[in-house]
Amino acid sequence: MSHPRQPVLFEALYDGVRHVGFGRPEEGAPQTLHRVEDGQVAAAFIATDGSEAALRDALTEGAATTVVVTAGDPELRLLPPLLPAATGAALLSGFMGTHKKKWGGETAPEGAEFTPPKWFFKGFGDWVRLPGEVLNVPARPVALIEEPEVALVYVNDADGTPHYAGYTFGNDLCDIGLHRQDPGYNPYCKLCDTALTPWLFLGPPPRTVTGRVTIVRDGATAWEGPFDCGDDALYHRVRDMADHLFTYPAVRRPGLVNYILLGADEASFHDGFRIADGDRIAIDVKSHGVTFENQVRYVSPPPATTPAAAPAPVATEAPEHVATA
């Protein structure tokens, strides 16, 4: 399947040093990397119009060091898009119930008052996992669900104004069974690792994103099915959702990088399938030529470290008052 050319930027550590590259490396093909400092790429999005040409000029002009590598080089470690070294300066969050399927196929009416979808906090930058890494979940989930999604990437300038950088793709793994027991448990439901691909697609959020999920168990396909998570599949408009979220000062902290998940289509859970410990979830974003895979691992709880509460005080009878003459 052919794909329209879309400019892509990525960051990586090579031999422990941060670099930026343009385009997705093909296996065995040479790739030129340009040395950058932590935060330099994010700053380039703030200082330019975010186009490929402007970013190339800002990040490669007078670059002190370049290196040519090949995909798969053991010294090359890809990074989530724009992830700062101080990973607490990045926030992963997202929206729920955004797809038209969950609204009877309808789209939010034009010109009507915007009713925002529910929002959730997923974690900080170092909670993000890359393709190939393990996705840890609690030891006793009720029912997990994979969620192939578009993730928008923003960086805030020194005044807290958000600057859109581009988008990538992710798997917002969560415990939908716990959520269905009680929607108030949703913060617990989201305490599962999320994978993001390292490729930052430059340009506006995509209207069409289609692909297929394959879940492999013991080396054989246990479930597979399609997904659609582009703007055209959503009830809420992407611009409305993002604009509303950024009315909150907490997500406009200066220098903060925001990864914002736009919501997922129906998936294996809705087909009656249940993800098990050790399953591998492979996501093929066919519309964009992106594939990634992660294994799910149920993590046993640690031994209790909190001391038991102090015993309640024992009630004693007060001594009788002794009258004196």
C-alpha atoms as a PDB file:
ATOM      1  CA  MET A   1       0.000   0.000   0.000  1.00  0.00           C
ATOM      2  CA  SER A   2       1.455   3.382  -1.009  1.00  0.00           C
ATOM      3  CA  HIS A   3       1.315   6.335   1.367  1.00  0.00           C
ATOM      4  CA  PRO A   4       1.443  10.055   0.577  1.00  0.00           C
ATOM      5  CA  ARG A   5       4.733  11.611   1.599  1.00  0.00           C
ATOM      6  CA  GLN A   6       4.371  13.212   4.995  1.00  0.00           C
ATOM      7  CA  PRO A   7       7.285  15.006   6.626  1.00  0.00           C
ATOM      8  CA  VAL A   8       8.462  13.250   9.770  1.00  0.00           C
ATOM      9  CA  LEU A   9      10.900  14.295  12.476  1.00  0.00           C
ATOM     10  CA  PHE A  10      12.332  12.167  15.266  1.00  0.00           C
ATOM     11  CA  GLU A  11      14.781  12.445  18.135  1.00  0.00           C
ATOM     12  CA  ALA A  12      17.154   9.769  19.355  1.00  0.00           C
ATOM     13  CA  LEU A  13      20.106   9.192  21.596  1.00  0.00           C
ATOM     14  CA  TYR A  14      23.131   7.991  19.649  1.00  0.00           C
ATOM     15  CA  ASP A  15      26.026   6.815  21.791  1.00  0.00           C
ATOM     16  CA  GLY A  16      24.239   8.587  24.653  1.00  0.00           C
ATOM     17  CA  VAL A  17      24.069  11.963  22.860  1.00  0.00           C
ATOM     18  CA  ARG A  18      20.825  13.579  21.678  1.00  0.00           C
ATOM     19  CA  HIS A  19      20.255  13.945  17.919  1.00  0.00           C
ATOM     20  CA  VAL A  20      17.433  14.825  15.527  1.00  0.00           C
ATOM     21  CA  GLY A  21      16.633  13.174  12.208  1.00  0.00           C
ATOM     22  CA  PHE A  22      14.209  13.823   9.349  1.00  0.00           C
ATOM     23  CA  GLY A  23      12.197  11.052   7.706  1.00  0.00           C
ATOM     24  CA  ARG A  24      11.736   7.514   8.977  1.00  0.00           C
ATOM     25  CA  PRO A  25      14.852   5.336   8.676  1.00  0.00           C
ATOM     26  CA  GLU A  26      14.457   2.257   6.497  1.00  0.00           C
ATOM     27  CA  GLU A  27      16.082  -0.930   7.708  1.00  0.00           C
ATOM     28  CA  GLY A  28      19.687  -1.000   6.553  1.00  0.00           C
ATOM     29  CA  ALA A  29      19.517   2.439   4.879  1.00  0.00           C
ATOM     30  CA  PRO A  30      21.830   5.283   5.994  1.00  0.00           C
ATOM     31  CA  GLN A  31      20.291   8.072   8.063  1.00  0.00           C
ATOM     32  CA  THR A  32      21.909  11.409   8.891  1.00  0.00           C
ATOM     33  CA  LEU A  33      21.459  12.607  12.457  1.00  0.00           C
ATOM     34  CA  HIS A  34      22.174  16.131  13.681  1.00  0.00           C
ATOM     35  CA  ARG A  35      23.349  16.718  17.207  1.00  0.00           C
ATOM     36  CA  VAL A  36      20.995  18.860  19.327  1.00  0.00           C
ATOM     37  CA  GLU A  37      20.714  19.899  22.930  1.00  0.00           C
ATOM     38  CA  ASP A  38      17.877  18.892  25.229  1.00  0.00           C
ATOM     39  CA  GLY A  39      14.890  21.124  24.427  1.00  0.00           C
ATOM     40  CA  GLN A  40      16.383  22.498  21.211  1.00  0.00           C
ATOM     41  CA  VAL A  41      13.860  20.773  18.948  1.00  0.00           C
ATOM     42  CA  ALA A  42      10.938  21.913  21.090  1.00  0.00           C
ATOM     43  CA  ALA A  43      12.317  25.454  20.992  1.00  0.00           C
ATOM     44  CA  ALA A  44      12.453  25.280  17.182  1.00  0.00           C
ATOM     45  CA  PHE A  45       8.712  24.639  17.053  1.00  0.00           C
ATOM     46  CA  ILE A  46       8.149  27.727  19.171  1.00  0.00           C
ATOM     47  CA  ALA A  47      10.468  29.911  17.090  1.00  0.00           C
ATOM     48  CA  THR A  48       9.304  28.799  13.602  1.00  0.00           C
ATOM     49  CA  ASP A  49       6.106  28.001  11.742  1.00  0.00           C
ATOM     50  CA  GLY A  50       6.716  24.279  12.360  1.00  0.00           C
ATOM     51  CA  SER A  51       7.211  23.439   8.671  1.00  0.00           C
ATOM     52  CA  GLU A  52       9.814  20.896   7.637  1.00  0.00           C
ATOM     53  CA  ALA A  53      11.892  23.528   5.807  1.00  0.00           C
ATOM     54  CA  ALA A  54      11.909  25.929   8.746  1.00  0.00           C
ATOM     55  CA  LEU A  55      12.772  23.185  11.217  1.00  0.00           C
ATOM     56  CA  ARG A  56      15.616  21.912   9.024  1.00  0.00           C
ATOM     57  CA  ASP A  57      17.054  25.414   8.829  1.00  0.00           C
ATOM     58  CA  ALA A  58      16.751  25.947  12.575  1.00  0.00           C
ATOM     59  CA  LEU A  59      18.150  22.566  13.594  1.00  0.00           C
ATOM     60  CA  THR A  60      20.829  21.809  10.985  1.00  0.00           C
ATOM     61  CA  GLU A  61      22.318  25.178  10.087  1.00  0.00           C
ATOM     62  CA  GLY A  62      25.796  25.320  11.580  1.00  0.00           C
ATOM     63  CA  ALA A  63      25.242  22.019  13.386  1.00  0.00           C
ATOM     64  CA  ALA A  64      28.384  21.141  15.288  1.00  0.00           C
ATOM     65  CA  THR A  65      28.106  17.423  14.681  1.00  0.00           C
ATOM     66  CA  THR A  66      26.372  15.055  12.287  1.00  0.00           C
ATOM     67  CA  VAL A  67      26.572  11.301  12.210  1.00  0.00           C
ATOM     68  CA  VAL A  68      25.369   8.744   9.675  1.00  0.00           C
ATOM     69  CA  VAL A  69      23.773   5.622  11.141  1.00  0.00           C
ATOM     70  CA  THR A  70      21.594   2.754   9.964  1.00  0.00           C
ATOM     71  CA  ALA A  71      18.265   1.696  11.441  1.00  0.00           C
ATOM     72  CA  GLY A  72      18.849  -1.026  13.986  1.00  0.00           C
ATOM     73  CA  ASP A  73      22.259   0.310  15.080  1.00  0.00           C
ATOM     74  CA  PRO A  74      22.626  -0.888  18.699  1.00  0.00           C
ATOM     75  CA  GLU A  75      23.865   2.569  19.759  1.00  0.00           C
ATOM     76  CA  LEU A  76      20.679   4.232  18.466  1.00  0.00           C
ATOM     77  CA  ARG A  77      17.859   4.689  21.001  1.00  0.00           C
ATOM     78  CA  LEU A  78      14.736   6.430  19.741  1.00  0.00           C
ATOM     79  CA  LEU A  79      12.825   8.819  22.004  1.00  0.00           C
ATOM     80  CA  PRO A  80       9.157   9.816  22.298  1.00  0.00           C
ATOM     81  CA  PRO A  81       8.570  13.038  20.312  1.00  0.00           C
ATOM     82  CA  LEU A  82      10.034  16.139  22.022  1.00  0.00           C
ATOM     83  CA  LEU A  83      10.450  14.250  25.329  1.00  0.00           C
ATOM     84  CA  PRO A  84      12.477  16.518  27.655  1.00  0.00           C
ATOM     85  CA  ALA A  85      15.272  15.084  29.774  1.00  0.00           C
ATOM     86  CA  ALA A  86      13.327  16.279  32.804  1.00  0.00           C
ATOM     87  CA  THR A  87      10.468  13.911  32.050  1.00  0.00           C
ATOM     88  CA  GLY A  88       8.217  15.541  34.648  1.00  0.00           C
ATOM     89  CA  ALA A  89       8.029  18.412  32.144  1.00  0.00           C
ATOM     90  CA  ALA A  90       5.865  16.300  29.821  1.00  0.00           C
ATOM     91  CA  LEU A  91       2.245  15.314  30.396  1.00  0.00           C
ATOM     92  CA  LEU A  92       0.296  12.446  28.813  1.00  0.00           C
ATOM     93  CA  SER A  93      -3.480  12.820  28.871  1.00  0.00           C
ATOM     94  CA  GLY A  94      -6.471  12.237  26.651  1.00  0.00           C
ATOM     95  CA  PHE A  95     -10.168  12.353  25.873  1.00  0.00           C
ATOM     96  CA  MET A  96     -12.849   9.692  26.257  1.00  0.00           C
ATOM     97  CA  GLY A  97     -15.985   8.884  24.298  1.00  0.00           C
ATOM     98  CA  THR A  98     -14.934  10.900  21.255  1.00  0.00           C
ATOM     99  CA  HIS A  99     -15.890   8.545  18.407  1.00  0.00           C
ATOM    100  CA  LYS A 100     -19.053   8.854  16.335  1.00  0.00           C
ATOM    101  CA  LYS A 101     -19.744   5.164  16.960  1.00  0.00           C
ATOM    102  CA  LYS A 102     -20.429   6.093  20.573  1.00  0.00           C
ATOM    103  CA  TRP A 103     -22.825   8.858  19.489  1.00  0.00           C
ATOM    104  CA  GLY A 104     -24.996   6.870  17.093  1.00  0.00           C
ATOM    105  CA  GLY A 105     -22.862   7.879  14.121  1.00  0.00           C
ATOM    106  CA  GLU A 106     -23.554  11.564  14.699  1.00  0.00           C
ATOM    107  CA  THR A 107     -21.138  14.500  14.568  1.00  0.00           C
ATOM    108  CA  ALA A 108     -21.316  17.463  16.935  1.00  0.00           C
ATOM    109  CA  PRO A 109     -23.598  20.038  15.274  1.00  0.00           C
ATOM    110  CA  GLU A 110     -21.909  23.047  13.725  1.00  0.00           C
ATOM    111  CA  GLY A 111     -22.430  26.261  15.632  1.00  0.00           C
ATOM    112  CA  ALA A 112     -23.819  24.553  18.731  1.00  0.00           C
ATOM    113  CA  GLU A 113     -22.402  25.215  22.189  1.00  0.00           C
ATOM    114  CA  PHE A 114     -19.386  22.959  22.716  1.00  0.00           C
ATOM    115  CA  THR A 115     -19.865  20.238  25.307  1.00  0.00           C
ATOM    116  CA  PRO A 116     -16.386  18.877  26.094  1.00  0.00           C
ATOM    117  CA  PRO A 117     -15.754  15.146  26.341  1.00  0.00           C
ATOM    118  CA  LYS A 118     -14.427  13.611  29.530  1.00  0.00           C
ATOM    119  CA  TRP A 119     -10.670  14.044  30.005  1.00  0.00           C
ATOM    120  CA  PHE A 120      -8.162  11.860  31.851  1.00  0.00           C
ATOM    121  CA  PHE A 121      -4.608  12.183  33.130  1.00  0.00           C
ATOM    122  CA  LYS A 122      -2.425   9.248  32.137  1.00  0.00           C
ATOM    123  CA  GLY A 123       1.063  10.087  33.415  1.00  0.00           C
ATOM    124  CA  PHE A 124       4.262  12.035  32.967  1.00  0.00           C
ATOM    125  CA  GLY A 125       6.822  11.773  30.187  1.00  0.00           C
ATOM    126  CA  ASP A 126       8.747   8.870  31.655  1.00  0.00           C
ATOM    127  CA  TRP A 127       5.531   6.829  31.757  1.00  0.00           C
ATOM    128  CA  VAL A 128       5.538   6.656  27.953  1.00  0.00           C
ATOM    129  CA  ARG A 129       6.750   3.398  26.409  1.00  0.00           C
ATOM    130  CA  LEU A 130       8.201   2.970  22.930  1.00  0.00           C
ATOM    131  CA  PRO A 131       7.462   0.235  20.385  1.00  0.00           C
ATOM    132  CA  GLY A 132       9.044  -3.024  21.476  1.00  0.00           C
ATOM    133  CA  GLU A 133       8.950  -2.164  25.163  1.00  0.00           C
ATOM    134  CA  VAL A 134       6.778  -3.992  27.698  1.00  0.00           C
ATOM    135  CA  LEU A 135       3.464  -2.447  28.766  1.00  0.00           C
ATOM    136  CA  ASN A 136       3.033  -3.055  32.494  1.00  0.00           C
ATOM    137  CA  VAL A 137      -0.448  -3.353  33.978  1.00  0.00           C
ATOM    138  CA  PRO A 138      -1.725  -4.153  37.471  1.00  0.00           C
ATOM    139  CA  ALA A 139      -1.612  -7.798  38.468  1.00  0.00           C
ATOM    140  CA  ARG A 140      -5.378  -8.347  38.524  1.00  0.00           C
ATOM    141  CA  PRO A 141      -7.087  -6.250  35.838  1.00  0.00           C
ATOM    142  CA  VAL A 142     -10.802  -6.754  35.294  1.00  0.00           C
ATOM    143  CA  ALA A 143     -10.656  -6.540  31.475  1.00  0.00           C
ATOM    144  CA  LEU A 144      -7.958  -4.794  29.445  1.00  0.00           C
ATOM    145  CA  ILE A 145      -8.488  -3.044  26.137  1.00  0.00           C
ATOM    146  CA  GLU A 146      -6.007  -1.872  23.523  1.00  0.00           C
ATOM    147  CA  GLU A 147      -6.744   1.597  22.160  1.00  0.00           C
ATOM    148  CA  PRO A 148      -4.991   2.647  18.924  1.00  0.00           C
ATOM    149  CA  GLU A 149      -5.108   6.441  18.916  1.00  0.00           C
ATOM    150  CA  VAL A 150      -3.750   9.630  17.447  1.00  0.00           C
ATOM    151  CA  ALA A 151      -1.654  11.632  19.931  1.00  0.00           C
ATOM    152  CA  LEU A 152      -1.234  15.355  19.342  1.00  0.00           C
ATOM    153  CA  VAL A 153       2.028  16.930  20.515  1.00  0.00           C
ATOM    154  CA  TYR A 154       2.261  20.496  21.838  1.00  0.00           C
ATOM    155  CA  VAL A 155       5.022  22.480  23.530  1.00  0.00           C
ATOM    156  CA  ASN A 156       4.385  25.569  25.662  1.00  0.00           C
ATOM    157  CA  ASP A 157       6.564  28.661  25.300  1.00  0.00           C
ATOM    158  CA  ALA A 158       7.957  30.735  28.170  1.00  0.00           C
ATOM    159  CA  ASP A 159       4.580  32.462  28.572  1.00  0.00           C
ATOM    160  CA  GLY A 160       2.679  29.180  28.634  1.00  0.00           C
ATOM    161  CA  THR A 161       1.217  29.582  25.142  1.00  0.00           C
ATOM    162  CA  PRO A 162       0.864  26.119  23.508  1.00  0.00           C
ATOM    163  CA  HIS A 163       2.472  25.572  20.101  1.00  0.00           C
ATOM    164  CA  TYR A 164       1.242  22.632  18.039  1.00  0.00           C
ATOM    165  CA  ALA A 165       4.140  20.480  16.793  1.00  0.00           C
ATOM    166  CA  GLY A 166       2.489  17.524  15.068  1.00  0.00           C
ATOM    167  CA  TYR A 167       1.060  14.110  15.820  1.00  0.00           C
ATOM    168  CA  THR A 168       2.067  10.542  16.416  1.00  0.00           C
ATOM    169  CA  PHE A 169       0.304   7.254  17.202  1.00  0.00           C
ATOM    170  CA  GLY A 170      -0.121   5.281  20.384  1.00  0.00           C
ATOM    171  CA  ASN A 171      -1.757   2.434  22.261  1.00  0.00           C
ATOM    172  CA  ASP A 172      -3.605   3.707  25.330  1.00  0.00           C
ATOM    173  CA  LEU A 173      -3.867   0.357  27.087  1.00  0.00           C
ATOM    174  CA  CYS A 174      -6.316   0.509  30.002  1.00  0.00           C
ATOM    175  CA  ASP A 175      -8.675  -1.547  32.185  1.00  0.00           C
ATOM    176  CA  ILE A 176     -12.082  -0.909  30.605  1.00  0.00           C
ATOM    177  CA  GLY A 177     -13.623  -3.604  32.804  1.00  0.00           C
ATOM    178  CA  LEU A 178     -12.809  -1.601  35.919  1.00  0.00           C
ATOM    179  CA  HIS A 179     -14.221   1.533  34.303  1.00  0.00           C
ATOM    180  CA  ARG A 180     -17.458  -0.285  33.504  1.00  0.00           C
ATOM    181  CA  GLN A 181     -17.787  -1.488  37.082  1.00  0.00           C
ATOM    182  CA  ASP A 182     -17.841   2.156  38.128  1.00  0.00           C
ATOM    183  CA  PRO A 183     -16.885   5.150  35.935  1.00  0.00           C
ATOM    184  CA  GLY A 184     -15.556   6.773  39.088  1.00  0.00           C
ATOM    185  CA  TYR A 185     -12.764   4.190  38.979  1.00  0.00           C
ATOM    186  CA  ASN A 186     -11.512   5.590  35.670  1.00  0.00           C
ATOM    187  CA  PRO A 187      -8.329   7.102  37.196  1.00  0.00           C
ATOM    188  CA  TYR A 188      -7.403   3.572  38.345  1.00  0.00           C
ATOM    189  CA  CYS A 189      -8.426   2.182  34.948  1.00  0.00           C
ATOM    190  CA  LYS A 190      -5.813   4.394  33.264  1.00  0.00           C
ATOM    191  CA  LEU A 191      -2.912   3.238  35.461  1.00  0.00           C
ATOM    192  CA  CYS A 192      -1.531   1.050  32.670  1.00  0.00           C
ATOM    193  CA  ASP A 193       1.465   1.848  30.455  1.00  0.00           C
ATOM    194  CA  THR A 194       0.888   3.633  27.136  1.00  0.00           C
ATOM    195  CA  ALA A 195       3.023   3.205  24.011  1.00  0.00           C
ATOM    196  CA  LEU A 196       3.798   6.073  21.626  1.00  0.00           C
ATOM    197  CA  THR A 197       5.691   5.822  18.366  1.00  0.00           C
ATOM    198  CA  PRO A 198       8.791   8.050  18.041  1.00  0.00           C
ATOM    199  CA  TRP A 199       7.753   9.523  14.681  1.00  0.00           C
ATOM    200  CA  LEU A 200       6.423  13.073  14.841  1.00  0.00           C
ATOM    201  CA  PHE A 201       4.311  13.737  11.744  1.00  0.00           C
ATOM    202  CA  LEU A 202       4.439  17.400  10.805  1.00  0.00           C
ATOM    203  CA  GLY A 203       1.231  19.054   9.687  1.00  0.00           C
ATOM    204  CA  PRO A 204      -2.357  19.296  10.953  1.00  0.00           C
ATOM    205  CA  PRO A 205      -4.104  16.424  12.757  1.00  0.00           C
ATOM    206  CA  PRO A 206      -5.030  13.687  10.272  1.00  0.00           C
ATOM    207  CA  ARG A 207      -8.573  13.402   8.956  1.00  0.00           C
ATOM    208  CA  THR A 208      -8.229   9.700   8.133  1.00  0.00           C
ATOM    209  CA  VAL A 209      -6.339   7.111  10.185  1.00  0.00           C
ATOM    210  CA  THR A 210      -7.152   3.454   9.544  1.00  0.00           C
ATOM    211  CA  GLY A 211      -5.435   0.230  10.386  1.00  0.00           C
ATOM    212  CA  ARG A 212      -5.605  -3.166  12.002  1.00  0.00           C
ATOM    213  CA  VAL A 213      -4.825  -4.657  15.412  1.00  0.00           C
ATOM    214  CA  THR A 214      -3.451  -8.174  15.807  1.00  0.00           C
ATOM    215  CA  ILE A 215      -3.134  -9.770  19.242  1.00  0.00           C
ATOM    216  CA  VAL A 216      -0.718 -12.692  19.365  1.00  0.00           C
ATOM    217  CA  ARG A 217      -0.789 -15.311  22.133  1.00  0.00           C
ATOM    218  CA  ASP A 218       1.724 -18.156  22.340  1.00  0.00           C
ATOM    219  CA  GLY A 219       2.935 -17.374  18.826  1.00  0.00           C
ATOM    220  CA  ALA A 220      -0.481 -17.529  17.155  1.00  0.00           C
ATOM    221  CA  THR A 221      -3.034 -14.858  16.274  1.00  0.00           C
ATOM    222  CA  ALA A 222      -5.670 -14.820  19.018  1.00  0.00           C
ATOM    223  CA  TRP A 223      -7.673 -11.822  17.772  1.00  0.00           C
ATOM    224  CA  GLU A 224      -7.550  -9.238  15.019  1.00  0.00           C
ATOM    225  CA  GLY A 225      -9.736  -6.402  13.831  1.00  0.00           C
ATOM    226  CA  PRO A 226      -9.769  -2.967  12.158  1.00  0.00           C
ATOM    227  CA  PHE A 227      -9.750   0.494  13.680  1.00  0.00           C
ATOM    228  CA  ASP A 228     -10.400   4.077  12.585  1.00  0.00           C
ATOM    229  CA  CYS A 229      -9.242   6.998  14.708  1.00  0.00           C
ATOM    230  CA  GLY A 230      -8.870   9.987  12.386  1.00  0.00           C
ATOM    231  CA  ASP A 231     -10.689  13.294  12.767  1.00  0.00           C
ATOM    232  CA  ASP A 232     -13.455  12.143  10.411  1.00  0.00           C
ATOM    233  CA  ALA A 233     -14.278   9.282  12.796  1.00  0.00           C
ATOM    234  CA  LEU A 234     -14.810  11.583  15.777  1.00  0.00           C
ATOM    235  CA  TYR A 235     -17.981  13.140  17.139  1.00  0.00           C
ATOM    236  CA  HIS A 236     -16.043  16.028  18.659  1.00  0.00           C
ATOM    237  CA  ARG A 237     -13.846  18.223  16.485  1.00  0.00           C
ATOM    238  CA  VAL A 238     -10.156  18.032  17.313  1.00  0.00           C
ATOM    239  CA  ARG A 239      -9.731  21.818  17.377  1.00  0.00           C
ATOM    240  CA  ASP A 240     -12.616  22.235  19.829  1.00  0.00           C
ATOM    241  CA  MET A 241     -11.260  19.584  22.183  1.00  0.00           C
ATOM    242  CA  ALA A 242      -7.708  20.964  22.188  1.00  0.00           C
ATOM    243  CA  ASP A 243      -8.806  24.584  22.506  1.00  0.00           C
ATOM    244  CA  HIS A 244     -10.994  23.726  25.485  1.00  0.00           C
ATOM    245  CA  LEU A 245      -8.256  21.766  27.255  1.00  0.00           C
ATOM    246  CA  PHE A 246      -5.831  24.654  26.932  1.00  0.00           C
ATOM    247  CA  THR A 247      -8.198  26.976  28.784  1.00  0.00           C
ATOM    248  CA  TYR A 248      -6.828  25.273  31.926  1.00  0.00           C
ATOM    249  CA  PRO A 249      -3.656  26.915  33.285  1.00  0.00           C
ATOM    250  CA  ALA A 250      -2.365  23.593  34.632  1.00  0.00           C
ATOM    251  CA  VAL A 251      -1.629  22.357  31.101  1.00  0.00           C
ATOM    252  CA  ARG A 252      -0.153  25.712  30.039  1.00  0.00           C
ATOM    253  CA  ARG A 253       2.851  25.641  32.351  1.00  0.00           C
ATOM    254  CA  PRO A 254       5.872  27.217  30.624  1.00  0.00           C
ATOM    255  CA  GLY A 255       8.029  24.641  28.825  1.00  0.00           C
ATOM    256  CA  LEU A 256       5.546  21.787  29.290  1.00  0.00           C
ATOM    257  CA  VAL A 257       5.235  19.221  26.477  1.00  0.00           C
ATOM    258  CA  ASN A 258       1.707  17.812  26.115  1.00  0.00           C
ATOM    259  CA  TYR A 259       0.841  14.472  24.511  1.00  0.00           C
ATOM    260  CA  ILE A 260      -2.934  14.459  23.993  1.00  0.00           C
ATOM    261  CA  LEU A 261      -4.704  11.209  23.034  1.00  0.00           C
ATOM    262  CA  LEU A 262      -7.810  11.761  20.904  1.00  0.00           C
ATOM    263  CA  GLY A 263      -9.754   8.599  21.724  1.00  0.00           C
ATOM    264  CA  ALA A 264     -10.147   5.124  20.294  1.00  0.00           C
ATOM    265  CA  ASP A 265     -12.476   3.088  18.139  1.00  0.00           C
ATOM    266  CA  GLU A 266     -14.144  -0.083  19.409  1.00  0.00           C
ATOM    267  CA  ALA A 267     -11.583  -2.848  19.892  1.00  0.00           C
ATOM    268  CA  SER A 268     -11.035  -6.440  21.011  1.00  0.00           C
ATOM    269  CA  PHE A 269     -12.975  -6.035  24.270  1.00  0.00           C
ATOM    270  CA  HIS A 270     -16.142  -5.128  22.369  1.00  0.00           C
ATOM    271  CA  ASP A 271     -15.736  -8.337  20.367  1.00  0.00           C
ATOM    272  CA  GLY A 272     -15.701 -10.425  23.545  1.00  0.00           C
ATOM    273  CA  PHE A 273     -11.923 -10.978  23.581  1.00  0.00           C
ATOM    274  CA  ARG A 274      -9.887 -10.625  26.787  1.00  0.00           C
ATOM    275  CA  ILE A 275      -6.197  -9.651  26.759  1.00  0.00           C
ATOM    276  CA  ALA A 276      -4.038 -11.971  28.856  1.00  0.00           C
ATOM    277  CA  ASP A 277      -0.645 -11.712  30.528  1.00  0.00           C
ATOM    278  CA  GLY A 278       2.076 -12.089  27.891  1.00  0.00           C
ATOM    279  CA  ASP A 279      -0.083 -11.199  24.877  1.00  0.00           C
ATOM    280  CA  ARG A 280       1.574  -9.143  22.148  1.00  0.00           C
ATOM    281  CA  ILE A 281      -0.438  -6.273  20.681  1.00  0.00           C
ATOM    282  CA  ALA A 282       0.611  -5.339  17.145  1.00  0.00           C
ATOM    283  CA  ILE A 283      -0.856  -2.148  15.660  1.00  0.00           C
ATOM    284  CA  ASP A 284      -0.588  -1.527  11.934  1.00  0.00           C
ATOM    285  CA  VAL A 285      -1.531   2.064  11.056  1.00  0.00           C
ATOM    286  CA  LYS A 286      -2.014   1.200   7.394  1.00  0.00           C
ATOM    287  CA  SER A 287      -2.980   4.720   6.327  1.00  0.00           C
ATOM    288  CA  HIS A 288       0.421   6.023   7.466  1.00  0.00           C
ATOM    289  CA  GLY A 289       2.712   3.026   7.040  1.00  0.00           C
ATOM    290  CA  VAL A 290       3.456   2.777  10.761  1.00  0.00           C
ATOM    291  CA  THR A 291       3.609  -0.524  12.651  1.00  0.00           C
ATOM    292  CA  PHE A 292       4.457  -1.098  16.296  1.00  0.00           C
ATOM    293  CA  GLU A 293       4.156  -3.895  18.813  1.00  0.00           C
ATOM    294  CA  ASN A 294       4.268  -4.235  22.597  1.00  0.00           C
ATOM    295  CA  GLN A 295       3.918  -7.125  25.000  1.00  0.00           C
ATOM    296  CA  VAL A 296       1.549  -6.891  27.962  1.00  0.00           C
ATOM    297  CA  ARG A 297       2.886  -7.883  31.351  1.00  0.00           C
ATOM    298  CA  TYR A 298       0.804  -8.334  34.492  1.00  0.00           C
ATOM    299  CA  VAL A 299       2.950  -7.025  37.361  1.00  0.00           C
ATOM    300  CA  SER A 300       2.546  -8.666  40.756  1.00  0.00           C
ATOM    301  CA  PRO A 301       1.944  -6.214  43.590  1.00  0.00           C
ATOM    302  CA  PRO A 302       4.916  -5.541  45.877  1.00  0.00           C
ATOM    303  CA  PRO A 303       4.835  -6.727  49.487  1.00  0.00           C
ATOM    304  CA  ALA A 304       3.008  -4.422  51.848  1.00  0.00           C
ATOM    305  CA  THR A 305       5.274  -1.669  53.140  1.00  0.00           C
ATOM    306  CA  THR A 306       2.755   0.464  54.993  1.00  0.00           C
ATOM    307  CA  PRO A 307       2.597  -0.346  58.721  1.00  0.00           C
ATOM    308  CA  ALA A 308      -0.718  -1.352  60.156  1.00  0.00           C
ATOM    309  CA  ALA A 309      -2.698   1.345  61.891  1.00  0.00           C
ATOM    310  CA  ALA A 310      -1.988   1.773  65.570  1.00  0.00           C
ATOM    311  CA  PRO A 311      -4.376  -0.188  67.771  1.00  0.00           C
ATOM    312  CA  ALA A 312      -7.293   1.723  69.195  1.00  0.00           C
ATOM    313  CA  PRO A 313      -6.757   2.924  72.743  1.00  0.00           C
ATOM    314  CA  VAL A 314      -8.250   0.650  75.396  1.00  0.00           C
ATOM    315  CA  ALA A 315     -11.008   2.328  77.336  1.00  0.00           C
ATOM    316  CA  THR A 316     -10.512   2.274  81.098  1.00  0.00           C
ATOM    317  CA  GLU A 317     -13.016   3.099  83.795  1.00  0.00           C
ATOM    318  CA  ALA A 318     -12.322   6.335  85.653  1.00  0.00           C
ATOM    319  CA  PRO A 319     -11.726   5.797  89.373  1.00  0.00           C
ATOM    320  CA  GLU A 320     -14.710   6.567  91.573  1.00  0.00           C
ATOM    321  CA  HIS A 321     -14.578   9.956  93.243  1.00  0.00           C
ATOM    322  CA  VAL A 322     -13.749   9.596  96.898  1.00  0.00           C
ATOM    323  CA  ALA A 323     -15.412  12.179  99.028  1.00  0.00           C
ATOM    324  CA  THR A 324     -13.459  13.684 101.874  1.00  0.00           C
ATOM    325  CA  ALA A 325     -14.825  15.204 105.002  1.00  0.00           C
END
